[in-house]
Amino acid sequence: MLPWEKYSNVEQTVFFLNLTKYPPSLSFLLVTLGGAFLFLANTENLKGRLVHFFSVFGRVPFFFYIIHLYLIHLLALIVAEFTGFGWQKMILPAFPSKVEELKGFGFNLAVVYLIWMLVI
């Protein structure tokens, strides 16, 4: 928390929340997370079609995100093996562009889009 500051006008002095987003100040976290927790606590028992839609919408993306990450990494291992790079080189010790053994691995953008559509 930042110390109290007296400004030139009353409005700025009374508005005591001196928030910083980067890096997040304690006041910023309390305002944003506190508001989110109050919203969740007060809407937890709501029912209806709209609530059901948003609850399903909120559950599915994380599941899809985790599954597609594993699928894409498995496909990358398979492709690396069949293109002669070897799947062991895909266990990355650093960012892929920094690994010298993987220079030349990959496809052009059209093939990447095709693979993307097949995965989706």
Protein backbone atom coordinates (compact mmCIF):
# COMPACT_ATOMS: atom_id res chain seq x y z
CA MET A 1 0.00 0.00 0.00
CA LEU A 2 1.20 3.47 -0.80
CA PRO A 3 1.17 6.15 1.88
CA TRP A 4 -1.64 8.72 2.00
CA GLU A 5 -1.15 11.65 -0.37
CA LYS A 6 -2.82 15.02 -0.23
CA TYR A 7 -3.64 16.36 -3.69
CA SER A 8 -4.60 19.83 -4.88
CA ASN A 9 -8.33 19.09 -4.97
CA VAL A 10 -10.66 17.23 -2.61
CA GLU A 11 -11.86 14.64 -5.15
CA GLN A 12 -8.40 13.23 -5.74
CA THR A 13 -7.57 13.25 -2.04
CA VAL A 14 -10.80 11.45 -1.07
CA PHE A 15 -10.38 8.88 -3.83
CA PHE A 16 -7.78 6.97 -1.84
CA LEU A 17 -7.38 3.94 -4.11
CA ASN A 18 -3.97 4.42 -5.65
CA LEU A 19 -3.93 1.31 -7.84
CA THR A 20 -1.07 0.02 -9.95
CA LYS A 21 -1.71 -2.83 -12.35
CA TYR A 22 1.91 -3.61 -13.23
CA PRO A 23 3.23 -4.78 -10.83
CA PRO A 24 -0.10 -5.43 -9.15
CA SER A 25 -0.50 -3.51 -5.93
CA LEU A 26 -2.35 -4.97 -2.97
CA SER A 27 -5.15 -2.46 -3.54
CA PHE A 28 -5.49 -3.52 -7.18
CA LEU A 29 -5.71 -7.20 -6.23
CA LEU A 30 -8.24 -6.50 -3.47
CA VAL A 31 -10.46 -4.46 -5.81
CA THR A 32 -10.38 -6.89 -8.73
CA LEU A 33 -10.43 -10.20 -6.87
CA GLY A 34 -12.78 -8.91 -4.19
CA GLY A 35 -15.30 -7.83 -6.80
CA ALA A 36 -15.00 -11.17 -8.60
CA PHE A 37 -15.47 -13.14 -5.38
CA LEU A 38 -18.51 -11.07 -4.38
CA PHE A 39 -20.03 -11.63 -7.83
CA LEU A 40 -19.41 -15.39 -7.65
CA ALA A 41 -20.78 -15.67 -4.12
CA ASN A 42 -23.99 -13.87 -5.07
CA THR A 43 -24.60 -15.69 -8.36
CA GLU A 44 -23.70 -19.23 -7.36
CA ASN A 45 -27.28 -20.39 -6.81
CA LEU A 46 -28.81 -18.86 -9.95
CA LYS A 47 -30.56 -21.22 -12.34
CA GLY A 48 -31.89 -20.96 -15.86
CA ARG A 49 -30.97 -21.44 -19.50
CA LEU A 50 -28.58 -18.50 -19.63
CA VAL A 51 -26.77 -19.62 -16.47
CA HIS A 52 -26.51 -23.17 -17.84
CA PHE A 53 -25.06 -21.85 -21.11
CA PHE A 54 -22.36 -19.82 -19.38
CA SER A 55 -21.48 -22.60 -16.93
CA VAL A 56 -20.97 -25.09 -19.78
CA PHE A 57 -19.09 -22.44 -21.75
CA GLY A 58 -16.83 -21.90 -18.75
CA ARG A 59 -16.08 -25.58 -18.18
CA VAL A 60 -15.43 -26.77 -21.73
CA PRO A 61 -12.61 -24.40 -22.83
CA PHE A 62 -10.18 -25.51 -20.11
CA PHE A 63 -10.80 -29.20 -20.88
CA PHE A 64 -10.39 -28.52 -24.60
CA TYR A 65 -7.23 -26.48 -23.97
CA ILE A 66 -5.55 -29.24 -21.95
CA ILE A 67 -6.54 -32.03 -24.36
CA HIS A 68 -5.44 -30.16 -27.48
CA LEU A 69 -2.04 -29.32 -25.94
CA TYR A 70 -1.31 -33.00 -25.34
CA LEU A 71 -2.61 -33.93 -28.79
CA ILE A 72 -0.46 -31.31 -30.53
CA HIS A 73 2.65 -32.37 -28.61
CA LEU A 74 1.98 -36.02 -29.44
CA LEU A 75 1.57 -35.13 -33.13
CA ALA A 76 4.83 -33.13 -33.01
CA LEU A 77 6.64 -36.15 -31.57
CA ILE A 78 5.25 -38.42 -34.29
CA VAL A 79 6.08 -35.95 -37.08
CA ALA A 80 9.59 -35.42 -35.72
CA GLU A 81 10.18 -39.18 -35.73
CA PHE A 82 8.90 -39.68 -39.29
CA THR A 83 10.80 -36.70 -40.71
CA GLY A 84 14.13 -37.94 -39.37
CA PHE A 85 14.64 -35.55 -36.48
CA GLY A 86 13.81 -38.12 -33.80
CA TRP A 87 11.21 -37.74 -31.11
CA GLN A 88 13.87 -37.39 -28.39
CA LYS A 89 14.85 -33.97 -29.73
CA MET A 90 11.29 -32.77 -29.10
CA ILE A 91 11.86 -33.06 -25.35
CA LEU A 92 12.99 -29.47 -25.33
CA PRO A 93 15.60 -28.09 -22.95
CA ALA A 94 14.99 -24.57 -24.28
CA PHE A 95 12.69 -22.61 -26.59
CA PRO A 96 12.34 -24.55 -29.90
CA SER A 97 14.08 -21.89 -32.01
CA LYS A 98 17.14 -22.13 -29.71
CA VAL A 99 17.62 -25.90 -30.19
CA GLU A 100 20.17 -26.34 -33.00
CA GLU A 101 19.15 -29.96 -33.74
CA LEU A 102 15.66 -28.77 -34.74
CA LYS A 103 16.77 -26.28 -37.40
CA GLY A 104 14.64 -26.96 -40.46
CA PHE A 105 11.90 -28.77 -38.56
CA GLY A 106 8.39 -27.63 -39.36
CA PHE A 107 6.05 -26.94 -42.23
CA ASN A 108 4.88 -24.00 -44.28
CA LEU A 109 1.87 -22.02 -43.17
CA ALA A 110 -0.63 -23.86 -45.42
CA VAL A 111 0.27 -27.21 -43.85
CA VAL A 112 0.16 -25.71 -40.35
CA TYR A 113 -3.38 -24.44 -41.05
CA LEU A 114 -4.40 -27.86 -42.35
CA ILE A 115 -3.05 -29.58 -39.23
CA TRP A 116 -4.77 -26.94 -37.09
CA MET A 117 -8.13 -27.64 -38.78
CA LEU A 118 -7.70 -31.38 -38.32
CA VAL A 119 -6.88 -30.99 -34.63
CA ILE A 120 -9.84 -28.67 -34.05
